[in-house]
Amino acid sequence: MTRKNEPPVFINLTPLQVKKIEVMRESLDAPVTRKELMDDLIDGGYMGALKTLYDDGRITKRGYQDCLKLVPDYLKGDI
């Protein structure tokens, strides 16, 4: 979890990775920023990881539910 005053972390992307992001953006019906797309991709990966950890018994049901609090409500319908 990010602390309130913690500075953001920046990552470097290769030109190929940026091109792939642009292709993903073009495939969407509504306009979306790179940041919005990356946020959704990270949240989707996070949800997949949580499911795997829970299914494998590496986190408890309570831990799973607590971690889901970090996922936006509109994505929880996929769970």
PDB file of N, CA and C in Angstrom:
ATOM      1  N   MET A   1       0.841  -1.169   0.000  1.00  0.00           N
ATOM      2  CA  MET A   1       0.000   0.000   0.000  1.00  0.00           C
ATOM      3  C   MET A   1       0.893   1.241   0.000  1.00  0.00           C
ATOM      4  N   THR A   2       0.492   2.258  -0.723  1.00  0.00           N
ATOM      5  CA  THR A   2       1.257   3.492  -0.809  1.00  0.00           C
ATOM      6  C   THR A   2       0.905   4.411   0.345  1.00  0.00           C
ATOM      7  N   ARG A   3       1.936   4.963   0.950  1.00  0.00           N
ATOM      8  CA  ARG A   3       1.699   5.945   2.007  1.00  0.00           C
ATOM      9  C   ARG A   3       1.345   7.274   1.368  1.00  0.00           C
ATOM     10  N   LYS A   4       0.612   8.095   2.106  1.00  0.00           N
ATOM     11  CA  LYS A   4       0.083   9.344   1.565  1.00  0.00           C
ATOM     12  C   LYS A   4       1.160  10.262   0.989  1.00  0.00           C
ATOM     13  N   ASN A   5       2.246  10.459   1.680  1.00  0.00           N
ATOM     14  CA  ASN A   5       3.281  11.395   1.250  1.00  0.00           C
ATOM     15  C   ASN A   5       4.424  10.726   0.490  1.00  0.00           C
ATOM     16  N   GLU A   6       4.241   9.484   0.134  1.00  0.00           N
ATOM     17  CA  GLU A   6       5.274   8.753  -0.584  1.00  0.00           C
ATOM     18  C   GLU A   6       5.336   9.243  -2.037  1.00  0.00           C
ATOM     19  N   PRO A   7       6.540   9.554  -2.534  1.00  0.00           N
ATOM     20  CA  PRO A   7       6.634  10.041  -3.917  1.00  0.00           C
ATOM     21  C   PRO A   7       6.335   8.918  -4.913  1.00  0.00           C
ATOM     22  N   PRO A   8       5.842   9.273  -6.092  1.00  0.00           N
ATOM     23  CA  PRO A   8       5.563   8.245  -7.098  1.00  0.00           C
ATOM     24  C   PRO A   8       6.853   7.601  -7.585  1.00  0.00           C
ATOM     25  N   VAL A   9       6.725   6.385  -8.077  1.00  0.00           N
ATOM     26  CA  VAL A   9       7.849   5.659  -8.661  1.00  0.00           C
ATOM     27  C   VAL A   9       7.650   5.679 -10.170  1.00  0.00           C
ATOM     28  N   PHE A  10       8.673   6.035 -10.886  1.00  0.00           N
ATOM     29  CA  PHE A  10       8.595   6.086 -12.342  1.00  0.00           C
ATOM     30  C   PHE A  10       9.331   4.899 -12.932  1.00  0.00           C
ATOM     31  N   ILE A  11       8.809   4.372 -14.031  1.00  0.00           N
ATOM     32  CA  ILE A  11       9.472   3.280 -14.721  1.00  0.00           C
ATOM     33  C   ILE A  11       9.786   3.722 -16.149  1.00  0.00           C
ATOM     34  N   ASN A  12      10.842   3.179 -16.680  1.00  0.00           N
ATOM     35  CA  ASN A  12      11.205   3.469 -18.064  1.00  0.00           C
ATOM     36  C   ASN A  12      10.628   2.395 -18.966  1.00  0.00           C
ATOM     37  N   LEU A  13      10.037   2.814 -20.060  1.00  0.00           N
ATOM     38  CA  LEU A  13       9.498   1.881 -21.043  1.00  0.00           C
ATOM     39  C   LEU A  13      10.300   1.999 -22.327  1.00  0.00           C
ATOM     40  N   THR A  14      10.459   0.880 -22.992  1.00  0.00           N
ATOM     41  CA  THR A  14      11.127   0.904 -24.284  1.00  0.00           C
ATOM     42  C   THR A  14      10.157   1.450 -25.330  1.00  0.00           C
ATOM     43  N   PRO A  15      10.668   1.916 -26.459  1.00  0.00           N
ATOM     44  CA  PRO A  15       9.775   2.363 -27.531  1.00  0.00           C
ATOM     45  C   PRO A  15       8.796   1.257 -27.964  1.00  0.00           C
ATOM     46  N   LEU A  16       9.235   0.018 -27.960  1.00  0.00           N
ATOM     47  CA  LEU A  16       8.354  -1.089 -28.327  1.00  0.00           C
ATOM     48  C   LEU A  16       7.215  -1.240 -27.317  1.00  0.00           C
ATOM     49  N   GLN A  17       7.515  -1.110 -26.038  1.00  0.00           N
ATOM     50  CA  GLN A  17       6.475  -1.199 -25.016  1.00  0.00           C
ATOM     51  C   GLN A  17       5.468  -0.061 -25.158  1.00  0.00           C
ATOM     52  N   VAL A  18       5.948   1.140 -25.463  1.00  0.00           N
ATOM     53  CA  VAL A  18       5.047   2.279 -25.668  1.00  0.00           C
ATOM     54  C   VAL A  18       4.168   2.034 -26.887  1.00  0.00           C
ATOM     55  N   LYS A  19       4.744   1.467 -27.944  1.00  0.00           N
ATOM     56  CA  LYS A  19       3.964   1.163 -29.148  1.00  0.00           C
ATOM     57  C   LYS A  19       2.855   0.156 -28.824  1.00  0.00           C
ATOM     58  N   LYS A  20       3.167  -0.848 -28.010  1.00  0.00           N
ATOM     59  CA  LYS A  20       2.164  -1.841 -27.618  1.00  0.00           C
ATOM     60  C   LYS A  20       1.052  -1.188 -26.803  1.00  0.00           C
ATOM     61  N   ILE A  21       1.410  -0.259 -25.933  1.00  0.00           N
ATOM     62  CA  ILE A  21       0.406   0.472 -25.151  1.00  0.00           C
ATOM     63  C   ILE A  21      -0.504   1.261 -26.086  1.00  0.00           C
ATOM     64  N   GLU A  22       0.072   1.888 -27.093  1.00  0.00           N
ATOM     65  CA  GLU A  22      -0.723   2.666 -28.036  1.00  0.00           C
ATOM     66  C   GLU A  22      -1.682   1.769 -28.830  1.00  0.00           C
ATOM     67  N   VAL A  23      -1.240   0.565 -29.182  1.00  0.00           N
ATOM     68  CA  VAL A  23      -2.129  -0.373 -29.883  1.00  0.00           C
ATOM     69  C   VAL A  23      -3.286  -0.761 -28.965  1.00  0.00           C
ATOM     70  N   MET A  24      -2.995  -1.000 -27.689  1.00  0.00           N
ATOM     71  CA  MET A  24      -4.059  -1.335 -26.740  1.00  0.00           C
ATOM     72  C   MET A  24      -5.041  -0.171 -26.617  1.00  0.00           C
ATOM     73  N   ARG A  25      -4.525   1.054 -26.551  1.00  0.00           N
ATOM     74  CA  ARG A  25      -5.399   2.231 -26.448  1.00  0.00           C
ATOM     75  C   ARG A  25      -6.298   2.350 -27.672  1.00  0.00           C
ATOM     76  N   GLU A  26      -5.741   2.104 -28.847  1.00  0.00           N
ATOM     77  CA  GLU A  26      -6.508   2.205 -30.086  1.00  0.00           C
ATOM     78  C   GLU A  26      -7.628   1.172 -30.149  1.00  0.00           C
ATOM     79  N   SER A  27      -7.468   0.054 -29.458  1.00  0.00           N
ATOM     80  CA  SER A  27      -8.471  -1.014 -29.510  1.00  0.00           C
ATOM     81  C   SER A  27      -9.698  -0.721 -28.653  1.00  0.00           C
ATOM     82  N   LEU A  28      -9.611   0.268 -27.797  1.00  0.00           N
ATOM     83  CA  LEU A  28     -10.696   0.573 -26.872  1.00  0.00           C
ATOM     84  C   LEU A  28     -11.735   1.484 -27.519  1.00  0.00           C
ATOM     85  N   ASP A  29     -12.986   1.328 -27.108  1.00  0.00           N
ATOM     86  CA  ASP A  29     -14.077   2.135 -27.661  1.00  0.00           C
ATOM     87  C   ASP A  29     -14.029   3.581 -27.191  1.00  0.00           C
ATOM     88  N   ALA A  30     -13.654   3.787 -25.939  1.00  0.00           N
ATOM     89  CA  ALA A  30     -13.619   5.140 -25.367  1.00  0.00           C
ATOM     90  C   ALA A  30     -12.171   5.613 -25.264  1.00  0.00           C
ATOM     91  N   PRO A  31     -11.953   6.917 -25.380  1.00  0.00           N
ATOM     92  CA  PRO A  31     -10.595   7.431 -25.210  1.00  0.00           C
ATOM     93  C   PRO A  31     -10.101   7.197 -23.777  1.00  0.00           C
ATOM     94  N   VAL A  32      -8.863   6.786 -23.658  1.00  0.00           N
ATOM     95  CA  VAL A  32      -8.277   6.538 -22.332  1.00  0.00           C
ATOM     96  C   VAL A  32      -6.818   6.984 -22.396  1.00  0.00           C
ATOM     97  N   THR A  33      -6.363   7.546 -21.287  1.00  0.00           N
ATOM     98  CA  THR A  33      -4.976   7.990 -21.217  1.00  0.00           C
ATOM     99  C   THR A  33      -4.063   6.788 -20.983  1.00  0.00           C
ATOM    100  N   ARG A  34      -2.793   6.980 -21.215  1.00  0.00           N
ATOM    101  CA  ARG A  34      -1.821   5.915 -20.923  1.00  0.00           C
ATOM    102  C   ARG A  34      -1.881   5.550 -19.445  1.00  0.00           C
ATOM    103  N   LYS A  35      -1.983   6.561 -18.597  1.00  0.00           N
ATOM    104  CA  LYS A  35      -2.029   6.305 -17.159  1.00  0.00           C
ATOM    105  C   LYS A  35      -3.249   5.474 -16.787  1.00  0.00           C
ATOM    106  N   GLU A  36      -4.414   5.821 -17.335  1.00  0.00           N
ATOM    107  CA  GLU A  36      -5.629   5.050 -17.050  1.00  0.00           C
ATOM    108  C   GLU A  36      -5.480   3.606 -17.512  1.00  0.00           C
ATOM    109  N   LEU A  37      -4.908   3.418 -18.694  1.00  0.00           N
ATOM    110  CA  LEU A  37      -4.699   2.065 -19.215  1.00  0.00           C
ATOM    111  C   LEU A  37      -3.753   1.288 -18.315  1.00  0.00           C
ATOM    112  N   MET A  38      -2.647   1.907 -17.921  1.00  0.00           N
ATOM    113  CA  MET A  38      -1.670   1.219 -17.070  1.00  0.00           C
ATOM    114  C   MET A  38      -2.273   0.908 -15.697  1.00  0.00           C
ATOM    115  N   ASP A  39      -3.057   1.843 -15.155  1.00  0.00           N
ATOM    116  CA  ASP A  39      -3.721   1.586 -13.869  1.00  0.00           C
ATOM    117  C   ASP A  39      -4.612   0.350 -13.961  1.00  0.00           C
ATOM    118  N   ASP A  40      -5.403   0.259 -15.028  1.00  0.00           N
ATOM    119  CA  ASP A  40      -6.297  -0.887 -15.190  1.00  0.00           C
ATOM    120  C   ASP A  40      -5.528  -2.186 -15.410  1.00  0.00           C
ATOM    121  N   LEU A  41      -4.441  -2.123 -16.169  1.00  0.00           N
ATOM    122  CA  LEU A  41      -3.631  -3.330 -16.379  1.00  0.00           C
ATOM    123  C   LEU A  41      -3.009  -3.801 -15.069  1.00  0.00           C
ATOM    124  N   ILE A  42      -2.517  -2.858 -14.280  1.00  0.00           N
ATOM    125  CA  ILE A  42      -1.928  -3.216 -12.979  1.00  0.00           C
ATOM    126  C   ILE A  42      -2.994  -3.799 -12.054  1.00  0.00           C
ATOM    127  N   ASP A  43      -4.162  -3.161 -12.009  1.00  0.00           N
ATOM    128  CA  ASP A  43      -5.241  -3.680 -11.160  1.00  0.00           C
ATOM    129  C   ASP A  43      -5.678  -5.074 -11.612  1.00  0.00           C
ATOM    130  N   GLY A  44      -5.748  -5.302 -12.919  1.00  0.00           N
ATOM    131  CA  GLY A  44      -6.112  -6.628 -13.432  1.00  0.00           C
ATOM    132  C   GLY A  44      -5.089  -7.683 -13.044  1.00  0.00           C
ATOM    133  N   GLY A  45      -3.812  -7.330 -13.169  1.00  0.00           N
ATOM    134  CA  GLY A  45      -2.749  -8.257 -12.756  1.00  0.00           C
ATOM    135  C   GLY A  45      -2.768  -8.504 -11.260  1.00  0.00           C
ATOM    136  N   TYR A  46      -3.049  -7.463 -10.499  1.00  0.00           N
ATOM    137  CA  TYR A  46      -3.137  -7.567  -9.042  1.00  0.00           C
ATOM    138  C   TYR A  46      -4.268  -8.513  -8.646  1.00  0.00           C
ATOM    139  N   MET A  47      -5.428  -8.366  -9.294  1.00  0.00           N
ATOM    140  CA  MET A  47      -6.560  -9.249  -8.989  1.00  0.00           C
ATOM    141  C   MET A  47      -6.222 -10.699  -9.344  1.00  0.00           C
ATOM    142  N   GLY A  48      -5.556 -10.910 -10.468  1.00  0.00           N
ATOM    143  CA  GLY A  48      -5.152 -12.265 -10.848  1.00  0.00           C
ATOM    144  C   GLY A  48      -4.197 -12.873  -9.831  1.00  0.00           C
ATOM    145  N   ALA A  49      -3.259 -12.052  -9.355  1.00  0.00           N
ATOM    146  CA  ALA A  49      -2.301 -12.526  -8.344  1.00  0.00           C
ATOM    147  C   ALA A  49      -3.017 -12.873  -7.040  1.00  0.00           C
ATOM    148  N   LEU A  50      -3.964 -12.032  -6.638  1.00  0.00           N
ATOM    149  CA  LEU A  50      -4.720 -12.318  -5.410  1.00  0.00           C
ATOM    150  C   LEU A  50      -5.473 -13.634  -5.518  1.00  0.00           C
ATOM    151  N   LYS A  51      -6.111 -13.849  -6.650  1.00  0.00           N
ATOM    152  CA  LYS A  51      -6.865 -15.088  -6.855  1.00  0.00           C
ATOM    153  C   LYS A  51      -5.935 -16.297  -6.772  1.00  0.00           C
ATOM    154  N   THR A  52      -4.783 -16.204  -7.414  1.00  0.00           N
ATOM    155  CA  THR A  52      -3.812 -17.305  -7.372  1.00  0.00           C
ATOM    156  C   THR A  52      -3.343 -17.557  -5.947  1.00  0.00           C
ATOM    157  N   LEU A  53      -2.996 -16.492  -5.227  1.00  0.00           N
ATOM    158  CA  LEU A  53      -2.534 -16.649  -3.842  1.00  0.00           C
ATOM    159  C   LEU A  53      -3.612 -17.276  -2.966  1.00  0.00           C
ATOM    160  N   TYR A  54      -4.852 -16.846  -3.144  1.00  0.00           N
ATOM    161  CA  TYR A  54      -5.947 -17.391  -2.347  1.00  0.00           C
ATOM    162  C   TYR A  54      -6.225 -18.844  -2.724  1.00  0.00           C
ATOM    163  N   ASP A  55      -6.305 -19.123  -4.022  1.00  0.00           N
ATOM    164  CA  ASP A  55      -6.566 -20.492  -4.478  1.00  0.00           C
ATOM    165  C   ASP A  55      -5.477 -21.466  -4.035  1.00  0.00           C
ATOM    166  N   ASP A  56      -4.232 -20.982  -3.959  1.00  0.00           N
ATOM    167  CA  ASP A  56      -3.115 -21.826  -3.529  1.00  0.00           C
ATOM    168  C   ASP A  56      -2.987 -21.906  -2.009  1.00  0.00           C
ATOM    169  N   GLY A  57      -3.852 -21.193  -1.293  1.00  0.00           N
ATOM    170  CA  GLY A  57      -3.809 -21.229   0.169  1.00  0.00           C
ATOM    171  C   GLY A  57      -2.688 -20.403   0.765  1.00  0.00           C
ATOM    172  N   ARG A  58      -2.125 -19.473  -0.012  1.00  0.00           N
ATOM    173  CA  ARG A  58      -1.016 -18.664   0.488  1.00  0.00           C
ATOM    174  C   ARG A  58      -1.478 -17.391   1.179  1.00  0.00           C
ATOM    175  N   ILE A  59      -2.770 -17.058   1.055  1.00  0.00           N
ATOM    176  CA  ILE A  59      -3.355 -15.990   1.851  1.00  0.00           C
ATOM    177  C   ILE A  59      -4.724 -16.464   2.334  1.00  0.00           C
ATOM    178  N   THR A  60      -5.127 -15.937   3.469  1.00  0.00           N
ATOM    179  CA  THR A  60      -6.418 -16.318   4.052  1.00  0.00           C
ATOM    180  C   THR A  60      -7.551 -15.580   3.347  1.00  0.00           C
ATOM    181  N   LYS A  61      -8.759 -16.024   3.627  1.00  0.00           N
ATOM    182  CA  LYS A  61      -9.929 -15.332   3.076  1.00  0.00           C
ATOM    183  C   LYS A  61      -9.944 -13.885   3.548  1.00  0.00           C
ATOM    184  N   ARG A  62      -9.606 -13.671   4.811  1.00  0.00           N
ATOM    185  CA  ARG A  62      -9.551 -12.304   5.366  1.00  0.00           C
ATOM    186  C   ARG A  62      -8.481 -11.477   4.649  1.00  0.00           C
ATOM    187  N   GLY A  63      -7.312 -12.064   4.426  1.00  0.00           N
ATOM    188  CA  GLY A  63      -6.249 -11.368   3.708  1.00  0.00           C
ATOM    189  C   GLY A  63      -6.665 -11.020   2.292  1.00  0.00           C
ATOM    190  N   TYR A  64      -7.357 -11.958   1.649  1.00  0.00           N
ATOM    191  CA  TYR A  64      -7.876 -11.745   0.297  1.00  0.00           C
ATOM    192  C   TYR A  64      -8.854 -10.574   0.287  1.00  0.00           C
ATOM    193  N   GLN A  65      -9.788 -10.572   1.225  1.00  0.00           N
ATOM    194  CA  GLN A  65     -10.785  -9.501   1.305  1.00  0.00           C
ATOM    195  C   GLN A  65     -10.133  -8.150   1.602  1.00  0.00           C
ATOM    196  N   ASP A  66      -9.130  -8.156   2.484  1.00  0.00           N
ATOM    197  CA  ASP A  66      -8.421  -6.907   2.796  1.00  0.00           C
ATOM    198  C   ASP A  66      -7.704  -6.364   1.562  1.00  0.00           C
ATOM    199  N   CYS A  67      -7.071  -7.250   0.801  1.00  0.00           N
ATOM    200  CA  CYS A  67      -6.343  -6.829  -0.398  1.00  0.00           C
ATOM    201  C   CYS A  67      -7.286  -6.319  -1.477  1.00  0.00           C
ATOM    202  N   LEU A  68      -8.504  -6.850  -1.526  1.00  0.00           N
ATOM    203  CA  LEU A  68      -9.480  -6.403  -2.515  1.00  0.00           C
ATOM    204  C   LEU A  68      -9.905  -4.952  -2.287  1.00  0.00           C
ATOM    205  N   LYS A  69      -9.688  -4.446  -1.081  1.00  0.00           N
ATOM    206  CA  LYS A  69     -10.035  -3.049  -0.793  1.00  0.00           C
ATOM    207  C   LYS A  69      -9.209  -2.085  -1.643  1.00  0.00           C
ATOM    208  N   LEU A  70      -8.078  -2.561  -2.178  1.00  0.00           N
ATOM    209  CA  LEU A  70      -7.214  -1.716  -3.000  1.00  0.00           C
ATOM    210  C   LEU A  70      -7.635  -1.694  -4.467  1.00  0.00           C
ATOM    211  N   VAL A  71      -8.655  -2.486  -4.815  1.00  0.00           N
ATOM    212  CA  VAL A  71      -9.121  -2.584  -6.201  1.00  0.00           C
ATOM    213  C   VAL A  71     -10.333  -1.669  -6.386  1.00  0.00           C
ATOM    214  N   PRO A  72     -10.355  -0.879  -7.467  1.00  0.00           N
ATOM    215  CA  PRO A  72     -11.527  -0.021  -7.702  1.00  0.00           C
ATOM    216  C   PRO A  72     -12.808  -0.858  -7.817  1.00  0.00           C
ATOM    217  N   ASP A  73     -13.899  -0.308  -7.325  1.00  0.00           N
ATOM    218  CA  ASP A  73     -15.181  -1.020  -7.315  1.00  0.00           C
ATOM    219  C   ASP A  73     -15.609  -1.491  -8.709  1.00  0.00           C
ATOM    220  N   TYR A  74     -15.375  -0.677  -9.734  1.00  0.00           N
ATOM    221  CA  TYR A  74     -15.845  -1.053 -11.065  1.00  0.00           C
ATOM    222  C   TYR A  74     -15.128  -2.273 -11.615  1.00  0.00           C
ATOM    223  N   LEU A  75     -13.986  -2.627 -11.055  1.00  0.00           N
ATOM    224  CA  LEU A  75     -13.283  -3.843 -11.497  1.00  0.00           C
ATOM    225  C   LEU A  75     -13.673  -5.066 -10.667  1.00  0.00           C
ATOM    226  N   LYS A  76     -14.279  -4.875  -9.533  1.00  0.00           N
ATOM    227  CA  LYS A  76     -14.619  -6.000  -8.657  1.00  0.00           C
ATOM    228  C   LYS A  76     -15.719  -6.876  -9.239  1.00  0.00           C
ATOM    229  N   GLY A  77     -16.456  -6.388 -10.214  1.00  0.00           N
ATOM    230  CA  GLY A  77     -17.475  -7.204 -10.855  1.00  0.00           C
ATOM    231  C   GLY A  77     -16.889  -8.380 -11.594  1.00  0.00           C
ATOM    232  N   ASP A  78     -15.578  -8.319 -11.903  1.00  0.00           N
ATOM    233  CA  ASP A  78     -14.905  -9.415 -12.600  1.00  0.00           C
ATOM    234  C   ASP A  78     -14.495 -10.539 -11.678  1.00  0.00           C
ATOM    235  N   ILE A  79     -14.646 -10.334 -10.366  1.00  0.00           N
ATOM    236  CA  ILE A  79     -14.171 -11.326  -9.389  1.00  0.00           C
ATOM    237  C   ILE A  79     -15.233 -12.371  -9.151  1.00  0.00           C
TER     238      ILE A  79
END
